[in-house]
Amino acid sequence: NFFIEAFKLKKPVIDTTGAGDAFNGAFAVGLANSLEIKEALIFANKVAGISTTKLGAAASMPFTKELENY
């Protein structure tokens, strides 16, 4: 077992719509790219957290460049 802390955001949370979808999608991507479960969860946590700093669902999904620079 392990505990993963909430991702530290650079911007305030403005909308949580789609955060669960962002997490699930990113977790699947992490596993599909052969990340260990813990690393896939950390990646999904980051993607979902960043998605809450934007409005909407699909429009809030972060791009790869955003993840690299966050």
C-alpha atoms as a PDB file:
ATOM      1  CA  ASN A   1       0.000   0.000   0.000  1.00  0.00           C
ATOM      2  CA  PHE A   2       1.029   3.592  -0.534  1.00  0.00           C
ATOM      3  CA  PHE A   3      -0.332   7.105  -0.123  1.00  0.00           C
ATOM      4  CA  ILE A   4      -0.076   9.777  -2.789  1.00  0.00           C
ATOM      5  CA  GLU A   5      -0.469  13.383  -1.708  1.00  0.00           C
ATOM      6  CA  ALA A   6      -2.578  15.853  -3.648  1.00  0.00           C
ATOM      7  CA  PHE A   7      -0.674  17.488  -6.491  1.00  0.00           C
ATOM      8  CA  LYS A   8       0.533  21.014  -5.676  1.00  0.00           C
ATOM      9  CA  LEU A   9      -1.065  23.356  -8.201  1.00  0.00           C
ATOM     10  CA  LYS A  10       0.426  26.598  -9.523  1.00  0.00           C
ATOM     11  CA  LYS A  11      -3.026  28.090 -10.179  1.00  0.00           C
ATOM     12  CA  PRO A  12      -6.248  28.047  -8.139  1.00  0.00           C
ATOM     13  CA  VAL A  13      -8.936  25.427  -8.678  1.00  0.00           C
ATOM     14  CA  ILE A  14     -11.782  26.951 -10.681  1.00  0.00           C
ATOM     15  CA  ASP A  15     -13.786  23.957 -11.981  1.00  0.00           C
ATOM     16  CA  THR A  16     -13.683  20.279 -11.074  1.00  0.00           C
ATOM     17  CA  THR A  17     -15.837  19.208 -14.034  1.00  0.00           C
ATOM     18  CA  GLY A  18     -14.037  16.414 -15.847  1.00  0.00           C
ATOM     19  CA  ALA A  19     -11.356  15.854 -13.212  1.00  0.00           C
ATOM     20  CA  GLY A  20     -12.416  12.249 -12.673  1.00  0.00           C
ATOM     21  CA  ASP A  21     -12.378  11.591 -16.406  1.00  0.00           C
ATOM     22  CA  ALA A  22      -8.948  13.227 -16.636  1.00  0.00           C
ATOM     23  CA  PHE A  23      -7.681  11.005 -13.828  1.00  0.00           C
ATOM     24  CA  ASN A  24      -9.085   7.787 -15.300  1.00  0.00           C
ATOM     25  CA  GLY A  25      -7.828   8.577 -18.800  1.00  0.00           C
ATOM     26  CA  ALA A  26      -4.370   9.517 -17.578  1.00  0.00           C
ATOM     27  CA  PHE A  27      -4.172   6.416 -15.393  1.00  0.00           C
ATOM     28  CA  ALA A  28      -5.024   4.247 -18.413  1.00  0.00           C
ATOM     29  CA  VAL A  29      -2.402   6.070 -20.499  1.00  0.00           C
ATOM     30  CA  GLY A  30       0.186   5.561 -17.777  1.00  0.00           C
ATOM     31  CA  LEU A  31      -0.509   1.841 -17.580  1.00  0.00           C
ATOM     32  CA  ALA A  32      -0.560   1.538 -21.381  1.00  0.00           C
ATOM     33  CA  ASN A  33       2.884   3.145 -21.406  1.00  0.00           C
ATOM     34  CA  SER A  34       4.207   0.554 -18.944  1.00  0.00           C
ATOM     35  CA  LEU A  35       4.367   2.797 -15.876  1.00  0.00           C
ATOM     36  CA  GLU A  36       4.292   1.011 -12.543  1.00  0.00           C
ATOM     37  CA  ILE A  37       0.951   1.425 -10.754  1.00  0.00           C
ATOM     38  CA  LYS A  38       2.275   4.033  -8.314  1.00  0.00           C
ATOM     39  CA  GLU A  39       3.868   6.084 -11.123  1.00  0.00           C
ATOM     40  CA  ALA A  40       0.661   5.853 -13.191  1.00  0.00           C
ATOM     41  CA  LEU A  41      -1.314   7.107 -10.179  1.00  0.00           C
ATOM     42  CA  ILE A  42       1.082  10.022  -9.670  1.00  0.00           C
ATOM     43  CA  PHE A  43       0.762  10.903 -13.368  1.00  0.00           C
ATOM     44  CA  ALA A  44      -3.041  10.675 -13.222  1.00  0.00           C
ATOM     45  CA  ASN A  45      -3.092  12.806 -10.065  1.00  0.00           C
ATOM     46  CA  LYS A  46      -1.070  15.503 -11.856  1.00  0.00           C
ATOM     47  CA  VAL A  47      -3.283  15.473 -14.962  1.00  0.00           C
ATOM     48  CA  ALA A  48      -6.498  15.615 -12.940  1.00  0.00           C
ATOM     49  CA  GLY A  49      -5.160  18.367 -10.700  1.00  0.00           C
ATOM     50  CA  ILE A  50      -4.123  20.547 -13.623  1.00  0.00           C
ATOM     51  CA  SER A  51      -7.523  19.997 -15.267  1.00  0.00           C
ATOM     52  CA  THR A  52      -9.212  21.682 -12.297  1.00  0.00           C
ATOM     53  CA  THR A  53      -7.417  24.952 -13.057  1.00  0.00           C
ATOM     54  CA  LYS A  54      -9.444  25.421 -16.267  1.00  0.00           C
ATOM     55  CA  LEU A  55     -13.138  25.655 -17.113  1.00  0.00           C
ATOM     56  CA  GLY A  56     -15.090  22.795 -18.624  1.00  0.00           C
ATOM     57  CA  ALA A  57     -14.492  19.135 -19.213  1.00  0.00           C
ATOM     58  CA  ALA A  58     -12.799  18.385 -22.540  1.00  0.00           C
ATOM     59  CA  ALA A  59     -11.351  21.900 -22.746  1.00  0.00           C
ATOM     60  CA  SER A  60      -9.655  21.455 -19.361  1.00  0.00           C
ATOM     61  CA  MET A  61      -7.538  18.447 -20.308  1.00  0.00           C
ATOM     62  CA  PRO A  62      -3.867  19.467 -20.196  1.00  0.00           C
ATOM     63  CA  PHE A  63      -1.590  19.103 -23.212  1.00  0.00           C
ATOM     64  CA  THR A  64       1.666  17.152 -22.978  1.00  0.00           C
ATOM     65  CA  LYS A  65       3.701  20.397 -23.006  1.00  0.00           C
ATOM     66  CA  GLU A  66       1.760  21.629 -19.980  1.00  0.00           C
ATOM     67  CA  LEU A  67       2.584  18.442 -18.091  1.00  0.00           C
ATOM     68  CA  GLU A  68       6.273  18.701 -18.950  1.00  0.00           C
ATOM     69  CA  ASN A  69       6.454  22.331 -17.809  1.00  0.00           C
ATOM     70  CA  TYR A  70       4.348  21.972 -14.649  1.00  0.00           C
END
